Amino acid sequence: MSETQQGYGSLEQQLKALENSVHTITTDPAASHWLKRAVTELWERDVVDALNDLDMLRDLLEAKHQAHVLTLKRMVMSDNGTRH
């Protein structure tokens, strides 16, 4: 069996592309310092542990977003369901 899979290229090409993506993000002046730091730290971590942490972070951010949506709806709607 060949290292090259149809449509994916060699393992070396895939790893180089990933490293280029990391470099692009960490050198992008428009990227936040938080994102640059997170990408750098995540790149050095065990992938499974990092994915588990990202899942927890996503769940937390989705819950925060839902809370914000509900807050905005309360601000717009009166007690009887009509708009203010």
PDB file of N, CA and C in Angstrom:
ATOM      1  N   MET A   1       0.844  -1.187   0.000  1.00  0.00           N
ATOM      2  CA  MET A   1       0.000   0.000   0.000  1.00  0.00           C
ATOM      3  C   MET A   1       0.884   1.242   0.000  1.00  0.00           C
ATOM      4  N   SER A   2       0.528   2.198  -0.778  1.00  0.00           N
ATOM      5  CA  SER A   2       1.304   3.423  -0.943  1.00  0.00           C
ATOM      6  C   SER A   2       0.980   4.422   0.159  1.00  0.00           C
ATOM      7  N   GLU A   3       1.973   5.256   0.504  1.00  0.00           N
ATOM      8  CA  GLU A   3       1.740   6.327   1.485  1.00  0.00           C
ATOM      9  C   GLU A   3       0.816   7.392   0.912  1.00  0.00           C
ATOM     10  N   THR A   4       0.761   7.492  -0.394  1.00  0.00           N
ATOM     11  CA  THR A   4      -0.066   8.501  -1.029  1.00  0.00           C
ATOM     12  C   THR A   4      -1.484   7.971  -1.177  1.00  0.00           C
ATOM     13  N   GLN A   5      -2.443   8.689  -0.589  1.00  0.00           N
ATOM     14  CA  GLN A   5      -3.841   8.323  -0.714  1.00  0.00           C
ATOM     15  C   GLN A   5      -4.466   9.226  -1.763  1.00  0.00           C
ATOM     16  N   GLN A   6      -5.441   8.698  -2.481  1.00  0.00           N
ATOM     17  CA  GLN A   6      -6.080   9.458  -3.540  1.00  0.00           C
ATOM     18  C   GLN A   6      -6.645  10.772  -3.003  1.00  0.00           C
ATOM     19  N   GLY A   7      -6.201  11.891  -3.575  1.00  0.00           N
ATOM     20  CA  GLY A   7      -6.732  13.191  -3.211  1.00  0.00           C
ATOM     21  C   GLY A   7      -6.076  13.829  -1.994  1.00  0.00           C
ATOM     22  N   TYR A   8      -5.189  13.131  -1.322  1.00  0.00           N
ATOM     23  CA  TYR A   8      -4.610  13.681  -0.100  1.00  0.00           C
ATOM     24  C   TYR A   8      -3.120  13.976  -0.209  1.00  0.00           C
ATOM     25  N   GLY A   9      -2.433  13.384  -1.134  1.00  0.00           N
ATOM     26  CA  GLY A   9      -0.998  13.584  -1.223  1.00  0.00           C
ATOM     27  C   GLY A   9      -0.276  12.789  -0.164  1.00  0.00           C
ATOM     28  N   SER A  10       1.001  12.945  -0.119  1.00  0.00           N
ATOM     29  CA  SER A  10       1.802  12.186   0.838  1.00  0.00           C
ATOM     30  C   SER A  10       1.658  12.757   2.246  1.00  0.00           C
ATOM     31  N   LEU A  11       2.007  11.950   3.201  1.00  0.00           N
ATOM     32  CA  LEU A  11       1.977  12.384   4.604  1.00  0.00           C
ATOM     33  C   LEU A  11       2.843  13.616   4.793  1.00  0.00           C
ATOM     34  N   GLU A  12       3.981  13.633   4.137  1.00  0.00           N
ATOM     35  CA  GLU A  12       4.883  14.783   4.255  1.00  0.00           C
ATOM     36  C   GLU A  12       4.222  16.057   3.722  1.00  0.00           C
ATOM     37  N   GLN A  13       3.482  15.934   2.632  1.00  0.00           N
ATOM     38  CA  GLN A  13       2.793  17.087   2.063  1.00  0.00           C
ATOM     39  C   GLN A  13       1.692  17.578   3.000  1.00  0.00           C
ATOM     40  N   GLN A  14       0.976  16.635   3.618  1.00  0.00           N
ATOM     41  CA  GLN A  14      -0.084  17.004   4.551  1.00  0.00           C
ATOM     42  C   GLN A  14       0.495  17.730   5.759  1.00  0.00           C
ATOM     43  N   LEU A  15       1.582  17.204   6.303  1.00  0.00           N
ATOM     44  CA  LEU A  15       2.209  17.845   7.467  1.00  0.00           C
ATOM     45  C   LEU A  15       2.750  19.221   7.113  1.00  0.00           C
ATOM     46  N   LYS A  16       3.344  19.352   5.945  1.00  0.00           N
ATOM     47  CA  LYS A  16       3.864  20.654   5.508  1.00  0.00           C
ATOM     48  C   LYS A  16       2.721  21.652   5.355  1.00  0.00           C
ATOM     49  N   ALA A  17       1.603  21.206   4.798  1.00  0.00           N
ATOM     50  CA  ALA A  17       0.449  22.095   4.649  1.00  0.00           C
ATOM     51  C   ALA A  17      -0.067  22.545   6.011  1.00  0.00           C
ATOM     52  N   LEU A  18      -0.103  21.630   6.982  1.00  0.00           N
ATOM     53  CA  LEU A  18      -0.545  21.993   8.331  1.00  0.00           C
ATOM     54  C   LEU A  18       0.406  23.003   8.962  1.00  0.00           C
ATOM     55  N   GLU A  19       1.702  22.773   8.818  1.00  0.00           N
ATOM     56  CA  GLU A  19       2.682  23.710   9.361  1.00  0.00           C
ATOM     57  C   GLU A  19       2.556  25.081   8.694  1.00  0.00           C
ATOM     58  N   ASN A  20       2.277  25.088   7.392  1.00  0.00           N
ATOM     59  CA  ASN A  20       2.070  26.362   6.687  1.00  0.00           C
ATOM     60  C   ASN A  20       0.833  27.075   7.227  1.00  0.00           C
ATOM     61  N   SER A  21      -0.218  26.320   7.533  1.00  0.00           N
ATOM     62  CA  SER A  21      -1.429  26.923   8.100  1.00  0.00           C
ATOM     63  C   SER A  21      -1.141  27.547   9.456  1.00  0.00           C
ATOM     64  N   VAL A  22      -0.399  26.834  10.285  1.00  0.00           N
ATOM     65  CA  VAL A  22      -0.026  27.367  11.598  1.00  0.00           C
ATOM     66  C   VAL A  22       0.784  28.646  11.422  1.00  0.00           C
ATOM     67  N   HIS A  23       1.741  28.628  10.514  1.00  0.00           N
ATOM     68  CA  HIS A  23       2.579  29.804  10.266  1.00  0.00           C
ATOM     69  C   HIS A  23       1.731  30.981   9.772  1.00  0.00           C
ATOM     70  N   THR A  24       0.814  30.693   8.864  1.00  0.00           N
ATOM     71  CA  THR A  24      -0.054  31.747   8.315  1.00  0.00           C
ATOM     72  C   THR A  24      -0.859  32.412   9.430  1.00  0.00           C
ATOM     73  N   ILE A  25      -1.435  31.609  10.307  1.00  0.00           N
ATOM     74  CA  ILE A  25      -2.244  32.155  11.411  1.00  0.00           C
ATOM     75  C   ILE A  25      -1.382  32.945  12.381  1.00  0.00           C
ATOM     76  N   THR A  26      -0.245  32.381  12.767  1.00  0.00           N
ATOM     77  CA  THR A  26       0.580  33.025  13.800  1.00  0.00           C
ATOM     78  C   THR A  26       1.312  34.262  13.302  1.00  0.00           C
ATOM     79  N   THR A  27       1.385  34.448  11.999  1.00  0.00           N
ATOM     80  CA  THR A  27       2.043  35.656  11.474  1.00  0.00           C
ATOM     81  C   THR A  27       1.055  36.646  10.882  1.00  0.00           C
ATOM     82  N   ASP A  28      -0.219  36.337  10.938  1.00  0.00           N
ATOM     83  CA  ASP A  28      -1.247  37.222  10.382  1.00  0.00           C
ATOM     84  C   ASP A  28      -1.480  38.399  11.331  1.00  0.00           C
ATOM     85  N   PRO A  29      -1.214  39.621  10.887  1.00  0.00           N
ATOM     86  CA  PRO A  29      -1.406  40.771  11.772  1.00  0.00           C
ATOM     87  C   PRO A  29      -2.862  40.974  12.180  1.00  0.00           C
ATOM     88  N   ALA A  30      -3.796  40.448  11.405  1.00  0.00           N
ATOM     89  CA  ALA A  30      -5.218  40.609  11.728  1.00  0.00           C
ATOM     90  C   ALA A  30      -5.700  39.572  12.747  1.00  0.00           C
ATOM     91  N   ALA A  31      -4.932  38.505  12.950  1.00  0.00           N
ATOM     92  CA  ALA A  31      -5.323  37.471  13.917  1.00  0.00           C
ATOM     93  C   ALA A  31      -5.082  37.980  15.336  1.00  0.00           C
ATOM     94  N   SER A  32      -5.982  37.619  16.233  1.00  0.00           N
ATOM     95  CA  SER A  32      -5.850  38.066  17.623  1.00  0.00           C
ATOM     96  C   SER A  32      -4.662  37.381  18.300  1.00  0.00           C
ATOM     97  N   HIS A  33      -4.144  38.051  19.319  1.00  0.00           N
ATOM     98  CA  HIS A  33      -3.051  37.457  20.097  1.00  0.00           C
ATOM     99  C   HIS A  33      -3.525  36.162  20.751  1.00  0.00           C
ATOM    100  N   TRP A  34      -4.801  36.138  21.178  1.00  0.00           N
ATOM    101  CA  TRP A  34      -5.350  34.935  21.800  1.00  0.00           C
ATOM    102  C   TRP A  34      -5.298  33.761  20.828  1.00  0.00           C
ATOM    103  N   LEU A  35      -5.734  33.974  19.573  1.00  0.00           N
ATOM    104  CA  LEU A  35      -5.737  32.908  18.576  1.00  0.00           C
ATOM    105  C   LEU A  35      -4.317  32.443  18.272  1.00  0.00           C
ATOM    106  N   LYS A  36      -3.410  33.380  18.103  1.00  0.00           N
ATOM    107  CA  LYS A  36      -2.018  33.019  17.814  1.00  0.00           C
ATOM    108  C   LYS A  36      -1.426  32.166  18.933  1.00  0.00           C
ATOM    109  N   ARG A  37      -1.663  32.570  20.163  1.00  0.00           N
ATOM    110  CA  ARG A  37      -1.156  31.816  21.308  1.00  0.00           C
ATOM    111  C   ARG A  37      -1.805  30.438  21.384  1.00  0.00           C
ATOM    112  N   ALA A  38      -3.125  30.379  21.175  1.00  0.00           N
ATOM    113  CA  ALA A  38      -3.847  29.105  21.242  1.00  0.00           C
ATOM    114  C   ALA A  38      -3.356  28.139  20.168  1.00  0.00           C
ATOM    115  N   VAL A  39      -3.178  28.633  18.945  1.00  0.00           N
ATOM    116  CA  VAL A  39      -2.700  27.776  17.851  1.00  0.00           C
ATOM    117  C   VAL A  39      -1.310  27.242  18.173  1.00  0.00           C
ATOM    118  N   THR A  40      -0.442  28.102  18.648  1.00  0.00           N
ATOM    119  CA  THR A  40       0.916  27.682  18.986  1.00  0.00           C
ATOM    120  C   THR A  40       0.910  26.627  20.092  1.00  0.00           C
ATOM    121  N   GLU A  41       0.132  26.869  21.146  1.00  0.00           N
ATOM    122  CA  GLU A  41       0.080  25.921  22.256  1.00  0.00           C
ATOM    123  C   GLU A  41      -0.599  24.610  21.857  1.00  0.00           C
ATOM    124  N   LEU A  42      -1.685  24.702  21.103  1.00  0.00           N
ATOM    125  CA  LEU A  42      -2.395  23.490  20.685  1.00  0.00           C
ATOM    126  C   LEU A  42      -1.540  22.629  19.761  1.00  0.00           C
ATOM    127  N   TRP A  43      -0.729  23.257  18.926  1.00  0.00           N
ATOM    128  CA  TRP A  43       0.117  22.523  17.992  1.00  0.00           C
ATOM    129  C   TRP A  43       1.099  21.620  18.731  1.00  0.00           C
ATOM    130  N   GLU A  44       1.501  22.023  19.920  1.00  0.00           N
ATOM    131  CA  GLU A  44       2.482  21.252  20.691  1.00  0.00           C
ATOM    132  C   GLU A  44       1.840  20.179  21.565  1.00  0.00           C
ATOM    133  N   ARG A  45       0.526  20.195  21.714  1.00  0.00           N
ATOM    134  CA  ARG A  45      -0.168  19.273  22.618  1.00  0.00           C
ATOM    135  C   ARG A  45      -0.554  17.978  21.932  1.00  0.00           C
ATOM    136  N   ASP A  46      -0.923  17.010  22.751  1.00  0.00           N
ATOM    137  CA  ASP A  46      -1.499  15.775  22.249  1.00  0.00           C
ATOM    138  C   ASP A  46      -2.810  16.123  21.538  1.00  0.00           C
ATOM    139  N   VAL A  47      -2.997  15.606  20.345  1.00  0.00           N
ATOM    140  CA  VAL A  47      -4.140  15.983  19.521  1.00  0.00           C
ATOM    141  C   VAL A  47      -5.469  15.611  20.188  1.00  0.00           C
ATOM    142  N   VAL A  48      -5.554  14.441  20.770  1.00  0.00           N
ATOM    143  CA  VAL A  48      -6.809  14.005  21.395  1.00  0.00           C
ATOM    144  C   VAL A  48      -7.158  14.901  22.577  1.00  0.00           C
ATOM    145  N   ASP A  49      -6.173  15.215  23.421  1.00  0.00           N
ATOM    146  CA  ASP A  49      -6.424  16.107  24.553  1.00  0.00           C
ATOM    147  C   ASP A  49      -6.858  17.492  24.071  1.00  0.00           C
ATOM    148  N   ALA A  50      -6.187  17.992  23.035  1.00  0.00           N
ATOM    149  CA  ALA A  50      -6.528  19.313  22.503  1.00  0.00           C
ATOM    150  C   ALA A  50      -7.944  19.315  21.934  1.00  0.00           C
ATOM    151  N   LEU A  51      -8.326  18.257  21.222  1.00  0.00           N
ATOM    152  CA  LEU A  51      -9.680  18.184  20.674  1.00  0.00           C
ATOM    153  C   LEU A  51     -10.727  18.116  21.781  1.00  0.00           C
ATOM    154  N   ASN A  52     -10.436  17.395  22.850  1.00  0.00           N
ATOM    155  CA  ASN A  52     -11.361  17.350  23.986  1.00  0.00           C
ATOM    156  C   ASN A  52     -11.534  18.730  24.603  1.00  0.00           C
ATOM    157  N   ASP A  53     -10.438  19.455  24.766  1.00  0.00           N
ATOM    158  CA  ASP A  53     -10.517  20.811  25.305  1.00  0.00           C
ATOM    159  C   ASP A  53     -11.296  21.733  24.372  1.00  0.00           C
ATOM    160  N   LEU A  54     -11.086  21.583  23.078  1.00  0.00           N
ATOM    161  CA  LEU A  54     -11.806  22.407  22.113  1.00  0.00           C
ATOM    162  C   LEU A  54     -13.298  22.112  22.134  1.00  0.00           C
ATOM    163  N   ASP A  55     -13.657  20.844  22.319  1.00  0.00           N
ATOM    164  CA  ASP A  55     -15.078  20.492  22.434  1.00  0.00           C
ATOM    165  C   ASP A  55     -15.709  21.177  23.643  1.00  0.00           C
ATOM    166  N   MET A  56     -15.001  21.164  24.775  1.00  0.00           N
ATOM    167  CA  MET A  56     -15.528  21.823  25.974  1.00  0.00           C
ATOM    168  C   MET A  56     -15.643  23.326  25.768  1.00  0.00           C
ATOM    169  N   LEU A  57     -14.646  23.929  25.129  1.00  0.00           N
ATOM    170  CA  LEU A  57     -14.674  25.367  24.852  1.00  0.00           C
ATOM    171  C   LEU A  57     -15.829  25.717  23.919  1.00  0.00           C
ATOM    172  N   ARG A  58     -16.031  24.898  22.901  1.00  0.00           N
ATOM    173  CA  ARG A  58     -17.144  25.150  21.972  1.00  0.00           C
ATOM    174  C   ARG A  58     -18.483  25.071  22.700  1.00  0.00           C
ATOM    175  N   ASP A  59     -18.659  24.053  23.560  1.00  0.00           N
ATOM    176  CA  ASP A  59     -19.903  23.927  24.323  1.00  0.00           C
ATOM    177  C   ASP A  59     -20.133  25.156  25.190  1.00  0.00           C
ATOM    178  N   LEU A  60     -19.078  25.624  25.840  1.00  0.00           N
ATOM    179  CA  LEU A  60     -19.180  26.795  26.698  1.00  0.00           C
ATOM    180  C   LEU A  60     -19.555  28.041  25.893  1.00  0.00           C
ATOM    181  N   LEU A  61     -18.904  28.217  24.743  1.00  0.00           N
ATOM    182  CA  LEU A  61     -19.196  29.387  23.915  1.00  0.00           C
ATOM    183  C   LEU A  61     -20.601  29.323  23.323  1.00  0.00           C
ATOM    184  N   GLU A  62     -21.055  28.136  22.963  1.00  0.00           N
ATOM    185  CA  GLU A  62     -22.428  28.005  22.456  1.00  0.00           C
ATOM    186  C   GLU A  62     -23.440  28.353  23.548  1.00  0.00           C
ATOM    187  N   ALA A  63     -23.181  27.925  24.782  1.00  0.00           N
ATOM    188  CA  ALA A  63     -24.075  28.259  25.891  1.00  0.00           C
ATOM    189  C   ALA A  63     -24.069  29.768  26.146  1.00  0.00           C
ATOM    190  N   LYS A  64     -22.903  30.381  26.069  1.00  0.00           N
ATOM    191  CA  LYS A  64     -22.810  31.829  26.252  1.00  0.00           C
ATOM    192  C   LYS A  64     -23.579  32.551  25.150  1.00  0.00           C
ATOM    193  N   HIS A  65     -23.462  32.067  23.935  1.00  0.00           N
ATOM    194  CA  HIS A  65     -24.198  32.670  22.821  1.00  0.00           C
ATOM    195  C   HIS A  65     -25.702  32.562  23.051  1.00  0.00           C
ATOM    196  N   GLN A  66     -26.176  31.417  23.481  1.00  0.00           N
ATOM    197  CA  GLN A  66     -27.607  31.240  23.751  1.00  0.00           C
ATOM    198  C   GLN A  66     -28.083  32.199  24.842  1.00  0.00           C
ATOM    199  N   ALA A  67     -27.266  32.368  25.870  1.00  0.00           N
ATOM    200  CA  ALA A  67     -27.623  33.304  26.939  1.00  0.00           C
ATOM    201  C   ALA A  67     -27.731  34.724  26.390  1.00  0.00           C
ATOM    202  N   HIS A  68     -26.819  35.109  25.506  1.00  0.00           N
ATOM    203  CA  HIS A  68     -26.872  36.442  24.906  1.00  0.00           C
ATOM    204  C   HIS A  68     -28.115  36.604  24.041  1.00  0.00           C
ATOM    205  N   VAL A  69     -28.460  35.571  23.276  1.00  0.00           N
ATOM    206  CA  VAL A  69     -29.665  35.625  22.442  1.00  0.00           C
ATOM    207  C   VAL A  69     -30.892  35.809  23.309  1.00  0.00           C
ATOM    208  N   LEU A  70     -30.996  35.052  24.388  1.00  0.00           N
ATOM    209  CA  LEU A  70     -32.142  35.182  25.287  1.00  0.00           C
ATOM    210  C   LEU A  70     -32.198  36.562  25.924  1.00  0.00           C
ATOM    211  N   THR A  71     -31.060  37.093  26.299  1.00  0.00           N
ATOM    212  CA  THR A  71     -31.000  38.431  26.890  1.00  0.00           C
ATOM    213  C   THR A  71     -31.500  39.475  25.898  1.00  0.00           C
ATOM    214  N   LEU A  72     -31.056  39.356  24.653  1.00  0.00           N
ATOM    215  CA  LEU A  72     -31.503  40.311  23.629  1.00  0.00           C
ATOM    216  C   LEU A  72     -32.998  40.194  23.390  1.00  0.00           C
ATOM    217  N   LYS A  73     -33.520  38.988  23.366  1.00  0.00           N
ATOM    218  CA  LYS A  73     -34.962  38.807  23.178  1.00  0.00           C
ATOM    219  C   LYS A  73     -35.735  39.449  24.319  1.00  0.00           C
ATOM    220  N   ARG A  74     -35.259  39.305  25.545  1.00  0.00           N
ATOM    221  CA  ARG A  74     -35.929  39.928  26.695  1.00  0.00           C
ATOM    222  C   ARG A  74     -35.912  41.439  26.583  1.00  0.00           C
ATOM    223  N   MET A  75     -34.817  41.984  26.065  1.00  0.00           N
ATOM    224  CA  MET A  75     -34.711  43.429  25.940  1.00  0.00           C
ATOM    225  C   MET A  75     -35.682  43.956  24.888  1.00  0.00           C
ATOM    226  N   VAL A  76     -35.962  43.162  23.862  1.00  0.00           N
ATOM    227  CA  VAL A  76     -36.804  43.596  22.759  1.00  0.00           C
ATOM    228  C   VAL A  76     -38.276  43.353  23.038  1.00  0.00           C
ATOM    229  N   MET A  77     -38.605  42.277  23.726  1.00  0.00           N
ATOM    230  CA  MET A  77     -40.001  41.893  23.933  1.00  0.00           C
ATOM    231  C   MET A  77     -40.491  42.363  25.305  1.00  0.00           C
ATOM    232  N   SER A  78     -41.767  42.752  25.365  1.00  0.00           N
ATOM    233  CA  SER A  78     -42.372  43.123  26.649  1.00  0.00           C
ATOM    234  C   SER A  78     -42.885  41.847  27.322  1.00  0.00           C
ATOM    235  N   ASP A  79     -43.433  41.994  28.508  1.00  0.00           N
ATOM    236  CA  ASP A  79     -43.955  40.860  29.270  1.00  0.00           C
ATOM    237  C   ASP A  79     -45.076  40.133  28.542  1.00  0.00           C
ATOM    238  N   ASN A  80     -45.857  40.833  27.739  1.00  0.00           N
ATOM    239  CA  ASN A  80     -46.974  40.191  27.040  1.00  0.00           C
ATOM    240  C   ASN A  80     -46.597  39.676  25.652  1.00  0.00           C
ATOM    241  N   GLY A  81     -45.313  39.680  25.321  1.00  0.00           N
ATOM    242  CA  GLY A  81     -44.853  39.127  24.060  1.00  0.00           C
ATOM    243  C   GLY A  81     -44.832  40.090  22.892  1.00  0.00           C
ATOM    244  N   THR A  82     -45.166  41.344  23.136  1.00  0.00           N
ATOM    245  CA  THR A  82     -45.122  42.323  22.055  1.00  0.00           C
ATOM    246  C   THR A  82     -43.782  43.069  22.126  1.00  0.00           C
ATOM    247  N   ARG A  83     -43.424  43.653  21.012  1.00  0.00           N
ATOM    248  CA  ARG A  83     -42.163  44.401  20.972  1.00  0.00           C
ATOM    249  C   ARG A  83     -42.292  45.708  21.747  1.00  0.00           C
ATOM    250  N   HIS A  84     -41.193  46.130  22.360  1.00  0.00           N
ATOM    251  CA  HIS A  84     -41.135  47.415  23.070  1.00  0.00           C
ATOM    252  C   HIS A  84     -41.179  48.539  22.111  1.00  0.00           C
TER     253      HIS A  84
END
